Each structure stands twice: as structure tokens, then as C-alpha cells.
């Protein structure tokens, strides 16, 4: 469902804004979708520096309103025998605790030198590995990764795989030395960022567009031609993997266009951020 939020047009509107302005725009967008939260939940306040963290659920807020879910605005400080101690000093007894903390990226099958090249920090859930475009580690292009970034979507994963295969097969050039160095430094800055964002690569549109250009499958001509029959769908509609099967290596333009039109007809987009 959240893929419908991302379009080239919406991304372009916020690209020149400051980080504070983008934060306010996202807060406004999400507040317009969900309305005021039920007590004791409190909406994040961009004026206080709160970042617009988001989760998609069909029923949580309604369950809190109905009282079937009891929400507590506090972090967990520790555990007793049968209780949980919260940061506000309160404690409550629970039968079970579910730790929905995701996974740790350890890569134990790699030799120590390879893990060192990744600057691997398994306990860093935001940015555990330092990879150019979340694909290439430091060193010669003999190792590539696909999907190792927070919030992976199909278009990005597919393009990462196509890029790696293109380089390994010799069809595409590897990243130049300076490009690789600059990309790795950008990833280090993301790791060091404070306060920490929810996602290290929150500009999904920008990330996918950059990957598509590396692979040579970006539909630039269509996007630059306002008279093209697919121009509006590619600009205003959600960013989909099929956009990158219109031109270039591996293109299937007839199938891609039919699928893009089918998605537009079945799932018309009413809002985007």
C-alpha cells in the first residue's frame, strides 16, 4: 500500500526543501490521512524536532479508540519476573512479550577481511553495512549486495540485482574509484546522522532513479516529453518496477506499458508525498 505514496512529481516538489520543511510536509501529509490520534497517543510535533516516523496498519488506531488495545507512551527500561518496567517508572505484569526488533546483519559466512571492508556493525539497525548505493563495498567489484537497506521495495531490489549482474558479466562498467569513495562517505554520514531517521534511504524515488541510470534503463525520454502517452502516468503515478522495462537492456515495452496502465486503472492514486 505504501508504494502508492511515492511518485516522481511529489518527490520533485520536496527535493529543494530543507530537511525541516520536508519533515513538516510529511507530518502534514500523514496527519491528513489518519487524523488526531486517540489518547494516550500523541502526534509527533515537527516544531519540537520530532521526525515523521510511520507504520502502516488498518486497525491499530481503531483498536486503541475502542479500548481493545491499551497503548503506553513510554519505552521499556527492563524486566522483572513477570513484569515490564517502563521509562516513566511504572511497571505492569504481562504473560508474554514480543520483541519486534527485526534482525541483526552479521554475515558470519564472510571472511573477516570482507566484513571489515563492509565496516559492519551488526548492532546498528539503521545502517549496519557501508555500501555504495547499498550495493558495493570498498574494494574491487567482486562482491555486491541486494536488498541490504531499511525498507526495501521491489524496484530498488530489482535494479540493484540488474546492476550487479551487469557489472559481473562485463556489460556494465563498475563504479569509478571516486564515485565509489563518494558513495561510501555518504553512507557513513547517514550512519552518523543525529537524530537518526527511520530509514537510511528515505528518498525512495531518488534512490531508484539513480540506480536506473546506473543500469541504463531510466525512461528519461518519456519523462521529458509531456506529449508522450505514458508521461503523466510515470510522473504522477506511483513509482513501479515496470517503469524500468520500457527502455534499455531487458526492455519489454509492450508488457510494461500494459501493466502500468492496468495498475493506474485498478488503483488510482489519490494522494502522494
C-alpha atoms as a PDB file:
ATOM      1  CA  UNK A   1       0.000   0.000   0.000  1.00  0.00           C
ATOM      2  CA  UNK A   2       2.775   2.457   0.847  1.00  0.00           C
ATOM      3  CA  UNK A   3       4.182   2.243  -2.679  1.00  0.00           C
ATOM      4  CA  UNK A   4       1.270   4.426  -3.756  1.00  0.00           C
ATOM      5  CA  UNK A   5       2.741   7.272  -1.698  1.00  0.00           C
ATOM      6  CA  UNK A   6       5.839   7.634  -3.871  1.00  0.00           C
ATOM      7  CA  UNK A   7       5.747   9.466  -7.189  1.00  0.00           C
ATOM      8  CA  UNK A   8       8.258  11.469  -9.193  1.00  0.00           C
ATOM      9  CA  UNK A   9       6.055  14.571  -9.096  1.00  0.00           C
ATOM     10  CA  UNK A  10       5.724  14.515  -5.308  1.00  0.00           C
ATOM     11  CA  UNK A  11       9.432  13.861  -4.878  1.00  0.00           C
ATOM     12  CA  UNK A  12      10.299  16.813  -7.114  1.00  0.00           C
ATOM     13  CA  UNK A  13       8.079  19.136  -5.059  1.00  0.00           C
ATOM     14  CA  UNK A  14      10.001  18.425  -1.866  1.00  0.00           C
ATOM     15  CA  UNK A  15      13.509  17.924  -3.257  1.00  0.00           C
ATOM     16  CA  UNK A  16      14.571  21.570  -2.927  1.00  0.00           C
ATOM     17  CA  UNK A  17      13.080  21.952   0.541  1.00  0.00           C
ATOM     18  CA  UNK A  18      15.192  21.923   3.689  1.00  0.00           C
ATOM     19  CA  UNK A  19      15.108  18.880   5.964  1.00  0.00           C
ATOM     20  CA  UNK A  20      12.869  20.780   8.402  1.00  0.00           C
ATOM     21  CA  UNK A  21      10.495  21.729   5.588  1.00  0.00           C
ATOM     22  CA  UNK A  22      10.361  18.145   4.318  1.00  0.00           C
ATOM     23  CA  UNK A  23       9.641  16.957   7.836  1.00  0.00           C
ATOM     24  CA  UNK A  24       6.725  19.381   8.155  1.00  0.00           C
ATOM     25  CA  UNK A  25       5.348  18.311   4.774  1.00  0.00           C
ATOM     26  CA  UNK A  26       5.430  14.641   5.787  1.00  0.00           C
ATOM     27  CA  UNK A  27       3.810  15.396   9.143  1.00  0.00           C
ATOM     28  CA  UNK A  28       1.037  17.312   7.392  1.00  0.00           C
ATOM     29  CA  UNK A  29       0.515  14.516   4.871  1.00  0.00           C
ATOM     30  CA  UNK A  30       0.269  11.755   7.477  1.00  0.00           C
ATOM     31  CA  UNK A  31      -1.893  13.836   9.813  1.00  0.00           C
ATOM     32  CA  UNK A  32      -4.302  14.376   6.925  1.00  0.00           C
ATOM     33  CA  UNK A  33      -4.509  10.614   6.389  1.00  0.00           C
ATOM     34  CA  UNK A  34      -5.043   9.407   9.958  1.00  0.00           C
ATOM     35  CA  UNK A  35      -6.471  12.422  11.799  1.00  0.00           C
ATOM     36  CA  UNK A  36      -5.832  13.098  15.509  1.00  0.00           C
ATOM     37  CA  UNK A  37      -4.582  10.042  17.430  1.00  0.00           C
ATOM     38  CA  UNK A  38      -6.598   8.583  20.312  1.00  0.00           C
ATOM     39  CA  UNK A  39      -5.353   9.112  23.860  1.00  0.00           C
ATOM     40  CA  UNK A  40      -2.810   8.426  25.246  1.00  0.00           C
ATOM     41  CA  UNK A  41      -1.052   8.539  21.879  1.00  0.00           C
ATOM     42  CA  UNK A  42       0.376  11.911  20.896  1.00  0.00           C
ATOM     43  CA  UNK A  43       1.053  13.053  17.348  1.00  0.00           C
ATOM     44  CA  UNK A  44       4.726  13.844  16.641  1.00  0.00           C
ATOM     45  CA  UNK A  45       5.444  17.569  16.688  1.00  0.00           C
ATOM     46  CA  UNK A  46       7.753  18.791  13.895  1.00  0.00           C
ATOM     47  CA  UNK A  47       8.252  22.078  15.751  1.00  0.00           C
ATOM     48  CA  UNK A  48       9.981  20.111  18.521  1.00  0.00           C
ATOM     49  CA  UNK A  49      12.191  18.251  16.074  1.00  0.00           C
ATOM     50  CA  UNK A  50      10.120  15.061  16.051  1.00  0.00           C
ATOM     51  CA  UNK A  51      10.832  13.045  12.915  1.00  0.00           C
ATOM     52  CA  UNK A  52       7.873  11.715  10.888  1.00  0.00           C
ATOM     53  CA  UNK A  53       8.204   8.021  11.707  1.00  0.00           C
ATOM     54  CA  UNK A  54       5.437   5.949  10.178  1.00  0.00           C
ATOM     55  CA  UNK A  55       3.934   2.457  10.274  1.00  0.00           C
ATOM     56  CA  UNK A  56       1.057   1.215   8.143  1.00  0.00           C
ATOM     57  CA  UNK A  57      -1.837  -0.549   9.864  1.00  0.00           C
ATOM     58  CA  UNK A  58      -5.519  -0.934   9.113  1.00  0.00           C
ATOM     59  CA  UNK A  59      -6.721  -1.454  12.656  1.00  0.00           C
ATOM     60  CA  UNK A  60      -4.337  -0.259  15.387  1.00  0.00           C
ATOM     61  CA  UNK A  61      -5.747   3.235  15.977  1.00  0.00           C
ATOM     62  CA  UNK A  62      -9.330   1.949  15.897  1.00  0.00           C
ATOM     63  CA  UNK A  63      -8.378  -0.758  18.402  1.00  0.00           C
ATOM     64  CA  UNK A  64      -6.887   1.875  20.738  1.00  0.00           C
ATOM     65  CA  UNK A  65     -10.015   4.010  20.402  1.00  0.00           C
ATOM     66  CA  UNK A  66     -12.213   1.001  21.208  1.00  0.00           C
ATOM     67  CA  UNK A  67     -10.101   0.061  24.214  1.00  0.00           C
ATOM     68  CA  UNK A  68      -9.241  -3.406  22.919  1.00  0.00           C
ATOM     69  CA  UNK A  69      -5.571  -2.365  22.764  1.00  0.00           C
ATOM     70  CA  UNK A  70      -4.006  -0.458  25.649  1.00  0.00           C
ATOM     71  CA  UNK A  71      -1.237   1.866  24.481  1.00  0.00           C
ATOM     72  CA  UNK A  72       1.526   3.244  26.693  1.00  0.00           C
ATOM     73  CA  UNK A  73       3.699   6.176  25.611  1.00  0.00           C
ATOM     74  CA  UNK A  74       6.952   5.056  27.198  1.00  0.00           C
ATOM     75  CA  UNK A  75       9.957   2.956  26.343  1.00  0.00           C
ATOM     76  CA  UNK A  76      10.878  -0.324  28.030  1.00  0.00           C
ATOM     77  CA  UNK A  77      13.621   0.054  30.642  1.00  0.00           C
ATOM     78  CA  UNK A  78      13.805  -3.514  31.927  1.00  0.00           C
ATOM     79  CA  UNK A  79      12.027  -6.679  33.020  1.00  0.00           C
ATOM     80  CA  UNK A  80      11.026  -8.235  36.335  1.00  0.00           C
ATOM     81  CA  UNK A  81       9.997 -11.856  36.892  1.00  0.00           C
ATOM     82  CA  UNK A  82       6.605 -11.340  35.251  1.00  0.00           C
ATOM     83  CA  UNK A  83       6.619  -7.612  34.665  1.00  0.00           C
ATOM     84  CA  UNK A  84       7.862  -4.916  32.339  1.00  0.00           C
ATOM     85  CA  UNK A  85       9.404  -1.714  33.737  1.00  0.00           C
ATOM     86  CA  UNK A  86       8.773   1.428  31.685  1.00  0.00           C
ATOM     87  CA  UNK A  87      10.758   4.644  31.375  1.00  0.00           C
ATOM     88  CA  UNK A  88       8.057   6.594  33.232  1.00  0.00           C
ATOM     89  CA  UNK A  89       8.681   4.475  36.344  1.00  0.00           C
ATOM     90  CA  UNK A  90       5.547   2.358  36.048  1.00  0.00           C
ATOM     91  CA  UNK A  91       5.541  -1.423  35.748  1.00  0.00           C
ATOM     92  CA  UNK A  92       2.920  -3.893  34.573  1.00  0.00           C
ATOM     93  CA  UNK A  93       2.607  -7.654  34.505  1.00  0.00           C
ATOM     94  CA  UNK A  94       2.440  -9.457  31.170  1.00  0.00           C
ATOM     95  CA  UNK A  95       2.034 -13.086  30.145  1.00  0.00           C
ATOM     96  CA  UNK A  96       4.204 -12.736  27.040  1.00  0.00           C
ATOM     97  CA  UNK A  97       6.458 -10.122  25.450  1.00  0.00           C
ATOM     98  CA  UNK A  98       7.010  -9.972  21.692  1.00  0.00           C
ATOM     99  CA  UNK A  99      10.284  -8.304  20.706  1.00  0.00           C
ATOM    100  CA  UNK A 100       9.576  -6.915  17.233  1.00  0.00           C
ATOM    101  CA  UNK A 101      13.100  -5.621  16.728  1.00  0.00           C
ATOM    102  CA  UNK A 102      13.865  -7.044  13.295  1.00  0.00           C
ATOM    103  CA  UNK A 103      17.122  -8.846  12.622  1.00  0.00           C
ATOM    104  CA  UNK A 104      20.864  -8.301  13.022  1.00  0.00           C
ATOM    105  CA  UNK A 105      23.027  -8.309   9.911  1.00  0.00           C
ATOM    106  CA  UNK A 106      26.000 -10.471  10.929  1.00  0.00           C
ATOM    107  CA  UNK A 107      27.063 -12.220   7.669  1.00  0.00           C
ATOM    108  CA  UNK A 108      29.076 -14.899   9.538  1.00  0.00           C
ATOM    109  CA  UNK A 109      29.778 -16.774   6.287  1.00  0.00           C
ATOM    110  CA  UNK A 110      32.034 -13.955   5.045  1.00  0.00           C
ATOM    111  CA  UNK A 111      35.739 -13.932   5.984  1.00  0.00           C
ATOM    112  CA  UNK A 112      36.873 -11.247   8.455  1.00  0.00           C
ATOM    113  CA  UNK A 113      38.522  -9.164   5.714  1.00  0.00           C
ATOM    114  CA  UNK A 114      35.246  -8.951   3.784  1.00  0.00           C
ATOM    115  CA  UNK A 115      33.274  -7.965   6.888  1.00  0.00           C
ATOM    116  CA  UNK A 116      35.906  -5.332   7.623  1.00  0.00           C
ATOM    117  CA  UNK A 117      35.511  -3.890   4.115  1.00  0.00           C
ATOM    118  CA  UNK A 118      31.785  -3.538   4.830  1.00  0.00           C
ATOM    119  CA  UNK A 119      32.566  -1.621   8.058  1.00  0.00           C
ATOM    120  CA  UNK A 120      29.999  -3.998   9.501  1.00  0.00           C
ATOM    121  CA  UNK A 121      28.242  -3.017  12.740  1.00  0.00           C
ATOM    122  CA  UNK A 122      25.570  -5.682  13.396  1.00  0.00           C
ATOM    123  CA  UNK A 123      24.042  -3.750  16.302  1.00  0.00           C
ATOM    124  CA  UNK A 124      23.380  -0.704  14.117  1.00  0.00           C
ATOM    125  CA  UNK A 125      19.865  -1.375  12.864  1.00  0.00           C
ATOM    126  CA  UNK A 126      19.769   1.769  10.738  1.00  0.00           C
ATOM    127  CA  UNK A 127      22.995   1.332   8.752  1.00  0.00           C
ATOM    128  CA  UNK A 128      24.773  -1.937   9.614  1.00  0.00           C
ATOM    129  CA  UNK A 129      26.928  -2.001   6.456  1.00  0.00           C
ATOM    130  CA  UNK A 130      28.611   0.742   4.434  1.00  0.00           C
ATOM    131  CA  UNK A 131      27.816   0.117   0.755  1.00  0.00           C
ATOM    132  CA  UNK A 132      27.783   2.499  -2.208  1.00  0.00           C
ATOM    133  CA  UNK A 133      24.140   2.747  -3.326  1.00  0.00           C
ATOM    134  CA  UNK A 134      23.529  -0.058  -0.779  1.00  0.00           C
ATOM    135  CA  UNK A 135      25.259  -2.416  -3.253  1.00  0.00           C
ATOM    136  CA  UNK A 136      29.054  -2.050  -3.468  1.00  0.00           C
ATOM    137  CA  UNK A 137      31.581  -2.344  -0.608  1.00  0.00           C
ATOM    138  CA  UNK A 138      35.060  -0.854  -0.594  1.00  0.00           C
ATOM    139  CA  UNK A 139      37.459  -2.609  -2.964  1.00  0.00           C
ATOM    140  CA  UNK A 140      37.353  -4.246  -6.400  1.00  0.00           C
ATOM    141  CA  UNK A 141      33.854  -5.127  -7.694  1.00  0.00           C
ATOM    142  CA  UNK A 142      33.937  -8.812  -6.775  1.00  0.00           C
ATOM    143  CA  UNK A 143      31.150  -8.661  -4.194  1.00  0.00           C
ATOM    144  CA  UNK A 144      27.749  -6.963  -4.349  1.00  0.00           C
ATOM    145  CA  UNK A 145      24.674  -6.913  -2.128  1.00  0.00           C
ATOM    146  CA  UNK A 146      20.980  -6.714  -2.965  1.00  0.00           C
ATOM    147  CA  UNK A 147      18.250  -5.611  -0.563  1.00  0.00           C
ATOM    148  CA  UNK A 148      20.506  -4.678   2.377  1.00  0.00           C
ATOM    149  CA  UNK A 149      18.804  -1.418   3.246  1.00  0.00           C
ATOM    150  CA  UNK A 150      15.929  -0.486   5.524  1.00  0.00           C
ATOM    151  CA  UNK A 151      12.526  -0.531   3.846  1.00  0.00           C
ATOM    152  CA  UNK A 152      13.421  -2.440   0.643  1.00  0.00           C
ATOM    153  CA  UNK A 153      10.989  -2.106  -2.264  1.00  0.00           C
ATOM    154  CA  UNK A 154      10.799  -4.210  -5.412  1.00  0.00           C
ATOM    155  CA  UNK A 155      12.040  -1.602  -7.896  1.00  0.00           C
ATOM    156  CA  UNK A 156      15.182  -0.854  -5.896  1.00  0.00           C
ATOM    157  CA  UNK A 157      15.984  -4.516  -5.256  1.00  0.00           C
ATOM    158  CA  UNK A 158      15.474  -5.461  -8.903  1.00  0.00           C
ATOM    159  CA  UNK A 159      17.655  -2.598 -10.119  1.00  0.00           C
ATOM    160  CA  UNK A 160      20.391  -3.450  -7.626  1.00  0.00           C
ATOM    161  CA  UNK A 161      20.383  -7.034  -8.932  1.00  0.00           C
ATOM    162  CA  UNK A 162      20.445  -5.883 -12.563  1.00  0.00           C
ATOM    163  CA  UNK A 163      23.339  -3.526 -11.820  1.00  0.00           C
ATOM    164  CA  UNK A 164      25.386  -6.212 -10.069  1.00  0.00           C
ATOM    165  CA  UNK A 165      24.734  -8.755 -12.842  1.00  0.00           C
ATOM    166  CA  UNK A 166      25.627  -6.175 -15.480  1.00  0.00           C
ATOM    167  CA  UNK A 167      28.954  -5.397 -13.819  1.00  0.00           C
ATOM    168  CA  UNK A 168      29.857  -9.034 -13.148  1.00  0.00           C
ATOM    169  CA  UNK A 169      29.038 -10.014 -16.741  1.00  0.00           C
ATOM    170  CA  UNK A 170      31.129  -7.158 -18.146  1.00  0.00           C
ATOM    171  CA  UNK A 171      28.150  -5.489 -19.816  1.00  0.00           C
ATOM    172  CA  UNK A 172      28.260  -2.508 -17.424  1.00  0.00           C
ATOM    173  CA  UNK A 173      31.330  -0.726 -16.035  1.00  0.00           C
ATOM    174  CA  UNK A 174      31.962  -0.915 -12.295  1.00  0.00           C
ATOM    175  CA  UNK A 175      31.652   2.267 -10.238  1.00  0.00           C
ATOM    176  CA  UNK A 176      34.619   4.579 -10.777  1.00  0.00           C
ATOM    177  CA  UNK A 177      37.026   4.903  -7.846  1.00  0.00           C
ATOM    178  CA  UNK A 178      35.952   8.446  -6.926  1.00  0.00           C
ATOM    179  CA  UNK A 179      32.265   7.612  -7.328  1.00  0.00           C
ATOM    180  CA  UNK A 180      32.707   4.628  -5.010  1.00  0.00           C
ATOM    181  CA  UNK A 181      34.609   6.707  -2.441  1.00  0.00           C
ATOM    182  CA  UNK A 182      31.989   9.475  -2.500  1.00  0.00           C
ATOM    183  CA  UNK A 183      29.162   6.966  -2.205  1.00  0.00           C
ATOM    184  CA  UNK A 184      30.739   5.223   0.764  1.00  0.00           C
ATOM    185  CA  UNK A 185      31.318   8.549   2.515  1.00  0.00           C
ATOM    186  CA  UNK A 186      27.642   9.420   2.037  1.00  0.00           C
ATOM    187  CA  UNK A 187      26.665   6.134   3.698  1.00  0.00           C
ATOM    188  CA  UNK A 188      28.996   6.889   6.625  1.00  0.00           C
ATOM    189  CA  UNK A 189      27.294  10.266   7.083  1.00  0.00           C
ATOM    190  CA  UNK A 190      23.922   8.514   7.155  1.00  0.00           C
ATOM    191  CA  UNK A 191      25.225   6.213   9.905  1.00  0.00           C
ATOM    192  CA  UNK A 192      26.458   9.206  11.923  1.00  0.00           C
ATOM    193  CA  UNK A 193      23.285  11.274  11.474  1.00  0.00           C
ATOM    194  CA  UNK A 194      21.618  12.539  14.653  1.00  0.00           C
ATOM    195  CA  UNK A 195      18.755  12.429  15.291  1.00  0.00           C
ATOM    196  CA  UNK A 196      18.510   9.173  13.410  1.00  0.00           C
ATOM    197  CA  UNK A 197      15.867   8.904  10.684  1.00  0.00           C
ATOM    198  CA  UNK A 198      13.511   5.954  10.401  1.00  0.00           C
ATOM    199  CA  UNK A 199      15.070   4.879   7.100  1.00  0.00           C
ATOM    200  CA  UNK A 200      18.642   5.456   5.869  1.00  0.00           C
ATOM    201  CA  UNK A 201      17.473   5.962   2.281  1.00  0.00           C
ATOM    202  CA  UNK A 202      14.165   7.742   2.765  1.00  0.00           C
ATOM    203  CA  UNK A 203      14.213   9.294  -0.711  1.00  0.00           C
ATOM    204  CA  UNK A 204      12.978   6.128  -2.403  1.00  0.00           C
ATOM    205  CA  UNK A 205      12.305   7.909  -5.696  1.00  0.00           C
ATOM    206  CA  UNK A 206      15.770   9.465  -5.806  1.00  0.00           C
ATOM    207  CA  UNK A 207      17.436   6.175  -4.931  1.00  0.00           C
ATOM    208  CA  UNK A 208      15.581   4.228  -7.630  1.00  0.00           C
ATOM    209  CA  UNK A 209      16.164   6.896 -10.277  1.00  0.00           C
ATOM    210  CA  UNK A 210      19.915   6.820  -9.577  1.00  0.00           C
ATOM    211  CA  UNK A 211      20.010   3.022  -9.777  1.00  0.00           C
ATOM    212  CA  UNK A 212      18.078   3.049 -13.068  1.00  0.00           C
ATOM    213  CA  UNK A 213      20.609   5.445 -14.589  1.00  0.00           C
ATOM    214  CA  UNK A 214      23.477   3.200 -13.496  1.00  0.00           C
ATOM    215  CA  UNK A 215      21.746   0.253 -15.195  1.00  0.00           C
ATOM    216  CA  UNK A 216      20.869   2.270 -18.323  1.00  0.00           C
ATOM    217  CA  UNK A 217      17.114   1.750 -18.098  1.00  0.00           C
ATOM    218  CA  UNK A 218      15.867   5.169 -16.970  1.00  0.00           C
ATOM    219  CA  UNK A 219      12.882   6.359 -19.090  1.00  0.00           C
ATOM    220  CA  UNK A 220      14.290   9.890 -19.438  1.00  0.00           C
ATOM    221  CA  UNK A 221      12.902  10.499 -22.932  1.00  0.00           C
ATOM    222  CA  UNK A 222       9.343   9.721 -21.812  1.00  0.00           C
ATOM    223  CA  UNK A 223       9.624  11.947 -18.747  1.00  0.00           C
ATOM    224  CA  UNK A 224      10.969  14.830 -20.836  1.00  0.00           C
ATOM    225  CA  UNK A 225       8.188  14.545 -23.445  1.00  0.00           C
ATOM    226  CA  UNK A 226       4.934  15.874 -21.981  1.00  0.00           C
ATOM    227  CA  UNK A 227       3.071  14.691 -25.093  1.00  0.00           C
ATOM    228  CA  UNK A 228       4.094  11.049 -24.622  1.00  0.00           C
ATOM    229  CA  UNK A 229       1.063   8.883 -23.733  1.00  0.00           C
ATOM    230  CA  UNK A 230       2.858   7.484 -20.664  1.00  0.00           C
ATOM    231  CA  UNK A 231       4.306  10.781 -19.435  1.00  0.00           C
ATOM    232  CA  UNK A 232       1.601  11.565 -16.869  1.00  0.00           C
ATOM    233  CA  UNK A 233       1.434   8.004 -15.553  1.00  0.00           C
ATOM    234  CA  UNK A 234       5.191   7.901 -14.999  1.00  0.00           C
ATOM    235  CA  UNK A 235       5.302  11.370 -13.466  1.00  0.00           C
ATOM    236  CA  UNK A 236       2.217  11.440 -11.233  1.00  0.00           C
ATOM    237  CA  UNK A 237       1.587   7.747 -10.669  1.00  0.00           C
ATOM    238  CA  UNK A 238       3.394   5.536  -8.160  1.00  0.00           C
ATOM    239  CA  UNK A 239       6.961   4.575  -8.961  1.00  0.00           C
ATOM    240  CA  UNK A 240       6.778   0.950 -10.139  1.00  0.00           C
ATOM    241  CA  UNK A 241       9.352  -1.628 -11.315  1.00  0.00           C
ATOM    242  CA  UNK A 242       7.653  -1.728 -14.728  1.00  0.00           C
ATOM    243  CA  UNK A 243       8.879   1.826 -15.419  1.00  0.00           C
ATOM    244  CA  UNK A 244      12.327   0.332 -15.909  1.00  0.00           C
ATOM    245  CA  UNK A 245      11.304  -2.221 -18.524  1.00  0.00           C
ATOM    246  CA  UNK A 246      10.313   0.415 -21.078  1.00  0.00           C
ATOM    247  CA  UNK A 247      13.804   1.118 -22.452  1.00  0.00           C
ATOM    248  CA  UNK A 248      17.320  -0.278 -22.318  1.00  0.00           C
ATOM    249  CA  UNK A 249      18.697  -3.754 -21.764  1.00  0.00           C
ATOM    250  CA  UNK A 250      15.989  -6.309 -20.970  1.00  0.00           C
ATOM    251  CA  UNK A 251      13.185  -3.953 -22.012  1.00  0.00           C
ATOM    252  CA  UNK A 252       9.716  -5.345 -22.684  1.00  0.00           C
ATOM    253  CA  UNK A 253       7.887  -2.121 -23.544  1.00  0.00           C
ATOM    254  CA  UNK A 254       4.549  -3.653 -24.571  1.00  0.00           C
ATOM    255  CA  UNK A 255       4.251  -5.722 -21.393  1.00  0.00           C
ATOM    256  CA  UNK A 256       5.495  -2.839 -19.231  1.00  0.00           C
ATOM    257  CA  UNK A 257       3.031  -0.338 -20.715  1.00  0.00           C
ATOM    258  CA  UNK A 258       0.106  -2.732 -20.352  1.00  0.00           C
ATOM    259  CA  UNK A 259       0.969  -3.350 -16.697  1.00  0.00           C
ATOM    260  CA  UNK A 260       1.432   0.356 -15.951  1.00  0.00           C
ATOM    261  CA  UNK A 261      -1.982   1.122 -17.444  1.00  0.00           C
ATOM    262  CA  UNK A 262      -3.607  -1.773 -15.588  1.00  0.00           C
ATOM    263  CA  UNK A 263      -2.223  -0.532 -12.257  1.00  0.00           C
ATOM    264  CA  UNK A 264      -3.420   3.008 -12.988  1.00  0.00           C
ATOM    265  CA  UNK A 265      -6.921   1.745 -13.788  1.00  0.00           C
ATOM    266  CA  UNK A 266      -7.249  -0.611 -10.830  1.00  0.00           C
ATOM    267  CA  UNK A 267      -5.525   1.501  -8.192  1.00  0.00           C
ATOM    268  CA  UNK A 268      -5.967   5.206  -8.974  1.00  0.00           C
ATOM    269  CA  UNK A 269      -3.689   7.334  -6.833  1.00  0.00           C
ATOM    270  CA  UNK A 270      -5.405   9.987  -4.731  1.00  0.00           C
ATOM    271  CA  UNK A 271      -2.540  11.188  -2.567  1.00  0.00           C
ATOM    272  CA  UNK A 272       1.217  11.117  -2.594  1.00  0.00           C
ATOM    273  CA  UNK A 273       4.046  12.548  -0.531  1.00  0.00           C
END
